[in-house]
Amino acid sequence: MELRDIAKLASCPLFSGVHPGSLAESLASIPHSLRSFTVNSIILLAGCKYSALYILIEGEAWAEMTSDEGKVVRVESFKAGESLAAAILFTEGQTLPVSVEARSECRFIVIPKEGLLALCMKHKAILEALLGEMGTRLSTLTDRLKAAQFISLREKLADWLLRRMELSRSPILHVEATRERMAELFGVARPSLSRELGALRRLGILDFSGKEIRIVDSDALLRLRNSRGPSSTR
């Protein structure tokens, strides 16, 4: 593997805790490969066996799921530095539930499960980062399931903001997710999310700047969440 690719891999959150030189030495002792994909090409198909970790080092990709009625839903996007579906490697059957498509020209480093385990055994930092990543994705899935109980985007947003305020014990929220990632969480397009956030700001319920959201009127958010939420009798 070329030095530039080692440098890109070392900058990924999964491997950032390991010195690039040490990472290169460890990679030399395990099987791995580099794979490139053109724009709009299929990287992985839903239902395939996922037995090696794909780490995106260049480009962008997204995951799609097809319903029984044939409707295609975009469920997640990936940027350089992120890995795909690490948790699937450790499930029975290792069956990928989504298809992954190249949003732009992409390059991946692919590490078989046994090689990844060897890296985890040698570098505690990789193991901790891997477990942390899987935990974060589980938390995101929980948020999506919670949001699915509400009908409108405004209700979903109200519930999400209130839960974040309860966790942080502060009306000022520091949101690391991009607007695109937040839109994926709620199952809407980014412009729809931006319009709804703007509407809540105009109503004086919240304000935001960059990655900071300030809840101005939590009582109004509570009324929105309860308007037609799962506990509503209407």
C-alpha atoms as a PDB file:
ATOM      1  CA  MET A   1       0.000   0.000   0.000  1.00  0.00           C
ATOM      2  CA  GLU A   2       1.290   3.456  -0.892  1.00  0.00           C
ATOM      3  CA  LEU A   3       2.251   5.898   1.851  1.00  0.00           C
ATOM      4  CA  ARG A   4      -0.518   8.307   0.859  1.00  0.00           C
ATOM      5  CA  ASP A   5      -3.101   5.591   1.412  1.00  0.00           C
ATOM      6  CA  ILE A   6      -1.586   4.692   4.765  1.00  0.00           C
ATOM      7  CA  ALA A   7      -1.811   8.370   5.729  1.00  0.00           C
ATOM      8  CA  LYS A   8      -5.472   8.522   4.692  1.00  0.00           C
ATOM      9  CA  LEU A   9      -6.286   5.356   6.617  1.00  0.00           C
ATOM     10  CA  ALA A  10      -4.452   6.647   9.692  1.00  0.00           C
ATOM     11  CA  SER A  11      -6.602   9.790   9.622  1.00  0.00           C
ATOM     12  CA  CYS A  12      -9.815   7.732   9.818  1.00  0.00           C
ATOM     13  CA  PRO A  13     -11.443   7.747  13.283  1.00  0.00           C
ATOM     14  CA  LEU A  14     -11.093   3.970  13.473  1.00  0.00           C
ATOM     15  CA  PHE A  15      -7.301   4.107  13.151  1.00  0.00           C
ATOM     16  CA  SER A  16      -6.417   7.607  14.320  1.00  0.00           C
ATOM     17  CA  GLY A  17      -5.184   6.311  17.674  1.00  0.00           C
ATOM     18  CA  VAL A  18      -2.340   4.369  16.047  1.00  0.00           C
ATOM     19  CA  HIS A  19       0.871   5.906  14.719  1.00  0.00           C
ATOM     20  CA  PRO A  20       0.944   5.685  10.886  1.00  0.00           C
ATOM     21  CA  GLY A  21       4.255   3.821  10.939  1.00  0.00           C
ATOM     22  CA  SER A  22       2.941   1.227  13.364  1.00  0.00           C
ATOM     23  CA  LEU A  23      -0.272   0.922  11.363  1.00  0.00           C
ATOM     24  CA  ALA A  24       1.676   0.335   8.141  1.00  0.00           C
ATOM     25  CA  GLU A  25       3.726  -2.374   9.824  1.00  0.00           C
ATOM     26  CA  SER A  26       0.603  -4.103  11.134  1.00  0.00           C
ATOM     27  CA  LEU A  27      -1.179  -3.918   7.770  1.00  0.00           C
ATOM     28  CA  ALA A  28       1.781  -5.544   6.070  1.00  0.00           C
ATOM     29  CA  SER A  29       1.146  -8.680   8.135  1.00  0.00           C
ATOM     30  CA  ILE A  30      -2.557  -9.112   7.305  1.00  0.00           C
ATOM     31  CA  PRO A  31      -4.493  -9.553   4.044  1.00  0.00           C
ATOM     32  CA  HIS A  32      -6.127  -6.392   2.706  1.00  0.00           C
ATOM     33  CA  SER A  33      -6.898  -4.794  -0.633  1.00  0.00           C
ATOM     34  CA  LEU A  34      -7.691  -1.503  -2.357  1.00  0.00           C
ATOM     35  CA  ARG A  35     -10.860  -1.201  -4.428  1.00  0.00           C
ATOM     36  CA  SER A  36     -12.010   1.654  -6.661  1.00  0.00           C
ATOM     37  CA  PHE A  37     -15.515   2.448  -7.918  1.00  0.00           C
ATOM     38  CA  THR A  38     -16.849   4.893 -10.492  1.00  0.00           C
ATOM     39  CA  VAL A  39     -19.750   7.306  -9.961  1.00  0.00           C
ATOM     40  CA  ASN A  40     -23.155   5.583  -9.527  1.00  0.00           C
ATOM     41  CA  SER A  41     -21.649   2.098  -9.510  1.00  0.00           C
ATOM     42  CA  ILE A  42     -22.842  -0.518  -7.019  1.00  0.00           C
ATOM     43  CA  ILE A  43     -20.289  -1.195  -4.294  1.00  0.00           C
ATOM     44  CA  LEU A  44     -22.247  -3.788  -2.326  1.00  0.00           C
ATOM     45  CA  LEU A  45     -25.671  -5.349  -2.896  1.00  0.00           C
ATOM     46  CA  ALA A  46     -28.292  -5.876  -0.205  1.00  0.00           C
ATOM     47  CA  GLY A  47     -28.370  -9.526   0.814  1.00  0.00           C
ATOM     48  CA  CYS A  48     -24.696 -10.186   0.078  1.00  0.00           C
ATOM     49  CA  LYS A  49     -22.368 -11.682   2.655  1.00  0.00           C
ATOM     50  CA  TYR A  50     -20.352  -8.907   4.291  1.00  0.00           C
ATOM     51  CA  SER A  51     -17.210 -10.578   5.615  1.00  0.00           C
ATOM     52  CA  ALA A  52     -14.673  -7.759   5.223  1.00  0.00           C
ATOM     53  CA  LEU A  53     -14.715  -4.185   6.471  1.00  0.00           C
ATOM     54  CA  TYR A  54     -14.862  -1.499   3.766  1.00  0.00           C
ATOM     55  CA  ILE A  55     -13.187   1.759   4.820  1.00  0.00           C
ATOM     56  CA  LEU A  56     -13.795   4.727   2.526  1.00  0.00           C
ATOM     57  CA  ILE A  57     -10.614   6.737   2.007  1.00  0.00           C
ATOM     58  CA  GLU A  58     -11.682   8.854  -1.002  1.00  0.00           C
ATOM     59  CA  GLY A  59     -15.043  10.031  -2.296  1.00  0.00           C
ATOM     60  CA  GLU A  60     -18.608   9.661  -1.038  1.00  0.00           C
ATOM     61  CA  ALA A  61     -21.134   6.821  -1.014  1.00  0.00           C
ATOM     62  CA  TRP A  62     -24.642   6.150   0.237  1.00  0.00           C
ATOM     63  CA  ALA A  63     -26.699   3.219   1.424  1.00  0.00           C
ATOM     64  CA  GLU A  64     -30.154   2.440   0.042  1.00  0.00           C
ATOM     65  CA  MET A  65     -32.901   0.065   1.094  1.00  0.00           C
ATOM     66  CA  THR A  66     -35.721  -1.225  -1.124  1.00  0.00           C
ATOM     67  CA  SER A  67     -39.159  -1.875   0.387  1.00  0.00           C
ATOM     68  CA  ASP A  68     -41.425  -4.795  -0.546  1.00  0.00           C
ATOM     69  CA  GLU A  69     -43.349  -2.348  -2.763  1.00  0.00           C
ATOM     70  CA  GLY A  70     -40.197  -1.474  -4.672  1.00  0.00           C
ATOM     71  CA  LYS A  71     -39.677   1.957  -3.110  1.00  0.00           C
ATOM     72  CA  VAL A  72     -36.004   2.876  -2.754  1.00  0.00           C
ATOM     73  CA  VAL A  73     -35.094   4.801   0.398  1.00  0.00           C
ATOM     74  CA  ARG A  74     -31.715   6.383   0.980  1.00  0.00           C
ATOM     75  CA  VAL A  75     -30.871   5.564   4.600  1.00  0.00           C
ATOM     76  CA  GLU A  76     -27.299   6.750   5.154  1.00  0.00           C
ATOM     77  CA  SER A  77     -24.409   8.559   3.510  1.00  0.00           C
ATOM     78  CA  PHE A  78     -20.686   7.958   3.919  1.00  0.00           C
ATOM     79  CA  LYS A  79     -17.755  10.326   3.550  1.00  0.00           C
ATOM     80  CA  ALA A  80     -14.022   9.703   3.351  1.00  0.00           C
ATOM     81  CA  GLY A  81     -12.713   8.361   6.655  1.00  0.00           C
ATOM     82  CA  GLU A  82     -15.815   6.333   7.507  1.00  0.00           C
ATOM     83  CA  SER A  83     -16.292   2.574   7.496  1.00  0.00           C
ATOM     84  CA  LEU A  84     -19.324   0.641   6.304  1.00  0.00           C
ATOM     85  CA  ALA A  85     -21.493  -1.521   8.578  1.00  0.00           C
ATOM     86  CA  ALA A  86     -18.818  -2.767  10.975  1.00  0.00           C
ATOM     87  CA  ALA A  87     -21.411  -4.406  13.220  1.00  0.00           C
ATOM     88  CA  ILE A  88     -22.585  -6.701  10.386  1.00  0.00           C
ATOM     89  CA  LEU A  89     -19.199  -8.448  10.465  1.00  0.00           C
ATOM     90  CA  PHE A  90     -20.075  -9.854  13.878  1.00  0.00           C
ATOM     91  CA  THR A  91     -23.621 -11.030  13.165  1.00  0.00           C
ATOM     92  CA  GLU A  92     -24.702 -14.539  12.280  1.00  0.00           C
ATOM     93  CA  GLY A  93     -24.807 -14.851   8.512  1.00  0.00           C
ATOM     94  CA  GLN A  94     -23.096 -11.457   8.003  1.00  0.00           C
ATOM     95  CA  THR A  95     -25.910 -10.418   5.626  1.00  0.00           C
ATOM     96  CA  LEU A  96     -25.846  -6.788   4.501  1.00  0.00           C
ATOM     97  CA  PRO A  97     -29.352  -5.253   4.776  1.00  0.00           C
ATOM     98  CA  VAL A  98     -28.712  -2.348   2.377  1.00  0.00           C
ATOM     99  CA  SER A  99     -27.123  -1.709  -1.008  1.00  0.00           C
ATOM    100  CA  VAL A 100     -24.211   0.728  -1.150  1.00  0.00           C
ATOM    101  CA  GLU A 101     -23.704   2.944  -4.202  1.00  0.00           C
ATOM    102  CA  ALA A 102     -20.869   5.301  -5.161  1.00  0.00           C
ATOM    103  CA  ARG A 103     -22.014   8.922  -4.979  1.00  0.00           C
ATOM    104  CA  SER A 104     -18.724   9.984  -6.561  1.00  0.00           C
ATOM    105  CA  GLU A 105     -15.542   8.184  -7.577  1.00  0.00           C
ATOM    106  CA  CYS A 106     -14.592   6.149  -4.499  1.00  0.00           C
ATOM    107  CA  ARG A 107     -11.634   4.245  -3.152  1.00  0.00           C
ATOM    108  CA  PHE A 108     -11.865   1.753  -0.292  1.00  0.00           C
ATOM    109  CA  ILE A 109      -9.411  -0.203   1.791  1.00  0.00           C
ATOM    110  CA  VAL A 110     -10.961  -3.611   2.431  1.00  0.00           C
ATOM    111  CA  ILE A 111      -9.857  -5.634   5.483  1.00  0.00           C
ATOM    112  CA  PRO A 112     -11.238  -9.155   6.073  1.00  0.00           C
ATOM    113  CA  LYS A 113     -12.794  -9.795   9.474  1.00  0.00           C
ATOM    114  CA  GLU A 114      -9.886 -11.941  10.704  1.00  0.00           C
ATOM    115  CA  GLY A 115      -7.432  -9.232   9.745  1.00  0.00           C
ATOM    116  CA  LEU A 116      -9.493  -6.619  11.552  1.00  0.00           C
ATOM    117  CA  LEU A 117      -9.549  -8.795  14.671  1.00  0.00           C
ATOM    118  CA  ALA A 118      -5.778  -9.149  14.465  1.00  0.00           C
ATOM    119  CA  LEU A 119      -5.443  -5.356  14.338  1.00  0.00           C
ATOM    120  CA  CYS A 120      -7.762  -5.038  17.351  1.00  0.00           C
ATOM    121  CA  MET A 121      -5.674  -7.576  19.291  1.00  0.00           C
ATOM    122  CA  LYS A 122      -2.493  -5.678  18.530  1.00  0.00           C
ATOM    123  CA  HIS A 123      -3.820  -2.135  18.980  1.00  0.00           C
ATOM    124  CA  LYS A 124      -6.241  -1.463  21.830  1.00  0.00           C
ATOM    125  CA  ALA A 125      -7.048   1.950  20.335  1.00  0.00           C
ATOM    126  CA  ILE A 126      -8.526   0.306  17.221  1.00  0.00           C
ATOM    127  CA  LEU A 127     -10.679  -2.024  19.316  1.00  0.00           C
ATOM    128  CA  GLU A 128     -11.990   0.882  21.399  1.00  0.00           C
ATOM    129  CA  ALA A 129     -12.711   2.953  18.280  1.00  0.00           C
ATOM    130  CA  LEU A 130     -14.504   0.015  16.631  1.00  0.00           C
ATOM    131  CA  LEU A 131     -16.728  -0.561  19.676  1.00  0.00           C
ATOM    132  CA  GLY A 132     -17.375   3.169  19.929  1.00  0.00           C
ATOM    133  CA  GLU A 133     -18.418   3.334  16.280  1.00  0.00           C
ATOM    134  CA  MET A 134     -20.832   0.422  16.661  1.00  0.00           C
ATOM    135  CA  GLY A 135     -22.288   2.023  19.774  1.00  0.00           C
ATOM    136  CA  THR A 136     -22.823   5.307  17.947  1.00  0.00           C
ATOM    137  CA  ARG A 137     -24.639   3.563  15.096  1.00  0.00           C
ATOM    138  CA  LEU A 138     -26.852   1.723  17.587  1.00  0.00           C
ATOM    139  CA  SER A 139     -27.709   5.050  19.186  1.00  0.00           C
ATOM    140  CA  THR A 140     -28.576   6.480  15.766  1.00  0.00           C
ATOM    141  CA  LEU A 141     -30.830   3.501  15.045  1.00  0.00           C
ATOM    142  CA  THR A 142     -32.589   4.066  18.376  1.00  0.00           C
ATOM    143  CA  ASP A 143     -33.174   7.702  17.421  1.00  0.00           C
ATOM    144  CA  ARG A 144     -34.675   6.642  14.098  1.00  0.00           C
ATOM    145  CA  LEU A 145     -37.002   4.131  15.710  1.00  0.00           C
ATOM    146  CA  LYS A 146     -38.071   6.746  18.235  1.00  0.00           C
ATOM    147  CA  ALA A 147     -38.692   9.330  15.507  1.00  0.00           C
ATOM    148  CA  ALA A 148     -40.795   6.821  13.539  1.00  0.00           C
ATOM    149  CA  GLN A 149     -43.445   6.976  16.268  1.00  0.00           C
ATOM    150  CA  PHE A 150     -44.268  10.557  15.305  1.00  0.00           C
ATOM    151  CA  ILE A 151     -46.096  11.666  12.195  1.00  0.00           C
ATOM    152  CA  SER A 152     -44.771  15.059  11.166  1.00  0.00           C
ATOM    153  CA  LEU A 153     -41.194  16.238  10.854  1.00  0.00           C
ATOM    154  CA  ARG A 154     -41.943  18.990  13.378  1.00  0.00           C
ATOM    155  CA  GLU A 155     -43.031  16.436  15.975  1.00  0.00           C
ATOM    156  CA  LYS A 156     -39.950  14.314  15.298  1.00  0.00           C
ATOM    157  CA  LEU A 157     -37.703  17.332  15.671  1.00  0.00           C
ATOM    158  CA  ALA A 158     -39.418  18.400  18.890  1.00  0.00           C
ATOM    159  CA  ASP A 159     -38.926  14.946  20.426  1.00  0.00           C
ATOM    160  CA  TRP A 160     -35.283  14.732  19.314  1.00  0.00           C
ATOM    161  CA  LEU A 161     -34.449  18.212  20.642  1.00  0.00           C
ATOM    162  CA  LEU A 162     -36.149  17.583  23.985  1.00  0.00           C
ATOM    163  CA  ARG A 163     -34.335  14.283  24.493  1.00  0.00           C
ATOM    164  CA  ARG A 164     -31.017  15.932  23.649  1.00  0.00           C
ATOM    165  CA  MET A 165     -31.768  18.714  26.133  1.00  0.00           C
ATOM    166  CA  GLU A 166     -32.578  16.166  28.850  1.00  0.00           C
ATOM    167  CA  LEU A 167     -29.332  14.277  28.205  1.00  0.00           C
ATOM    168  CA  SER A 168     -27.148  17.387  28.207  1.00  0.00           C
ATOM    169  CA  ARG A 169     -29.126  19.080  31.016  1.00  0.00           C
ATOM    170  CA  SER A 170     -28.814  22.305  29.093  1.00  0.00           C
ATOM    171  CA  PRO A 171     -30.946  24.211  26.566  1.00  0.00           C
ATOM    172  CA  ILE A 172     -27.805  24.764  24.506  1.00  0.00           C
ATOM    173  CA  LEU A 173     -27.090  21.741  22.320  1.00  0.00           C
ATOM    174  CA  HIS A 174     -23.822  21.086  20.519  1.00  0.00           C
ATOM    175  CA  VAL A 175     -24.757  18.967  17.496  1.00  0.00           C
ATOM    176  CA  GLU A 176     -21.874  17.214  15.785  1.00  0.00           C
ATOM    177  CA  ALA A 177     -24.025  15.715  13.018  1.00  0.00           C
ATOM    178  CA  THR A 178     -24.248  17.680   9.781  1.00  0.00           C
ATOM    179  CA  ARG A 179     -27.632  18.839   8.480  1.00  0.00           C
ATOM    180  CA  GLU A 180     -27.400  16.045   5.898  1.00  0.00           C
ATOM    181  CA  ARG A 181     -26.933  13.415   8.621  1.00  0.00           C
ATOM    182  CA  MET A 182     -29.769  14.894  10.646  1.00  0.00           C
ATOM    183  CA  ALA A 183     -32.028  14.741   7.592  1.00  0.00           C
ATOM    184  CA  GLU A 184     -31.149  11.060   7.149  1.00  0.00           C
ATOM    185  CA  LEU A 185     -32.071  10.454  10.777  1.00  0.00           C
ATOM    186  CA  PHE A 186     -35.564  11.845  10.206  1.00  0.00           C
ATOM    187  CA  GLY A 187     -35.973  10.270   6.767  1.00  0.00           C
ATOM    188  CA  VAL A 188     -36.363  13.561   4.889  1.00  0.00           C
ATOM    189  CA  ALA A 189     -34.431  15.639   2.372  1.00  0.00           C
ATOM    190  CA  ARG A 190     -32.005  18.211   3.740  1.00  0.00           C
ATOM    191  CA  PRO A 191     -34.006  21.213   2.401  1.00  0.00           C
ATOM    192  CA  SER A 192     -37.091  19.957   4.270  1.00  0.00           C
ATOM    193  CA  LEU A 193     -35.126  19.823   7.521  1.00  0.00           C
ATOM    194  CA  SER A 194     -33.666  23.291   6.945  1.00  0.00           C
ATOM    195  CA  ARG A 195     -37.143  24.728   6.283  1.00  0.00           C
ATOM    196  CA  GLU A 196     -38.517  23.184   9.476  1.00  0.00           C
ATOM    197  CA  LEU A 197     -35.621  24.443  11.581  1.00  0.00           C
ATOM    198  CA  GLY A 198     -36.123  27.888  10.074  1.00  0.00           C
ATOM    199  CA  ALA A 199     -39.838  27.763  10.889  1.00  0.00           C
ATOM    200  CA  LEU A 200     -39.121  26.859  14.522  1.00  0.00           C
ATOM    201  CA  ARG A 201     -36.686  29.755  14.747  1.00  0.00           C
ATOM    202  CA  ARG A 202     -39.243  32.184  13.307  1.00  0.00           C
ATOM    203  CA  LEU A 203     -41.740  30.955  15.909  1.00  0.00           C
ATOM    204  CA  GLY A 204     -39.224  31.825  18.623  1.00  0.00           C
ATOM    205  CA  ILE A 205     -38.942  28.214  19.785  1.00  0.00           C
ATOM    206  CA  LEU A 206     -35.246  27.785  19.055  1.00  0.00           C
ATOM    207  CA  ASP A 207     -32.227  29.522  17.596  1.00  0.00           C
ATOM    208  CA  PHE A 208     -29.106  28.101  16.018  1.00  0.00           C
ATOM    209  CA  SER A 209     -25.709  29.029  14.691  1.00  0.00           C
ATOM    210  CA  GLY A 210     -23.273  26.571  13.150  1.00  0.00           C
ATOM    211  CA  LYS A 211     -23.400  23.345  15.165  1.00  0.00           C
ATOM    212  CA  GLU A 212     -25.045  24.974  18.179  1.00  0.00           C
ATOM    213  CA  ILE A 213     -28.807  24.878  18.743  1.00  0.00           C
ATOM    214  CA  ARG A 214     -30.341  26.883  21.591  1.00  0.00           C
ATOM    215  CA  ILE A 215     -33.799  25.886  22.805  1.00  0.00           C
ATOM    216  CA  VAL A 216     -35.646  29.093  23.670  1.00  0.00           C
ATOM    217  CA  ASP A 217     -39.097  27.695  24.501  1.00  0.00           C
ATOM    218  CA  SER A 218     -39.009  24.100  25.744  1.00  0.00           C
ATOM    219  CA  ASP A 219     -42.707  24.221  26.712  1.00  0.00           C
ATOM    220  CA  ALA A 220     -43.624  24.902  23.087  1.00  0.00           C
ATOM    221  CA  LEU A 221     -41.488  21.928  21.998  1.00  0.00           C
ATOM    222  CA  LEU A 222     -43.251  19.752  24.570  1.00  0.00           C
ATOM    223  CA  ARG A 223     -46.639  20.789  23.186  1.00  0.00           C
ATOM    224  CA  LEU A 224     -45.473  19.978  19.664  1.00  0.00           C
ATOM    225  CA  ARG A 225     -44.214  16.543  20.696  1.00  0.00           C
ATOM    226  CA  ASN A 226     -47.447  15.709  22.482  1.00  0.00           C
ATOM    227  CA  SER A 227     -49.740  17.083  19.779  1.00  0.00           C
ATOM    228  CA  ARG A 228     -50.049  13.799  17.879  1.00  0.00           C
ATOM    229  CA  GLY A 229     -47.377  11.631  19.473  1.00  0.00           C
ATOM    230  CA  PRO A 230     -47.765   7.952  20.344  1.00  0.00           C
ATOM    231  CA  SER A 231     -49.428   8.710  23.669  1.00  0.00           C
ATOM    232  CA  SER A 232     -52.006  11.029  22.120  1.00  0.00           C
ATOM    233  CA  THR A 233     -55.631   9.942  22.142  1.00  0.00           C
ATOM    234  CA  ARG A 234     -56.588  12.076  19.159  1.00  0.00           C
END
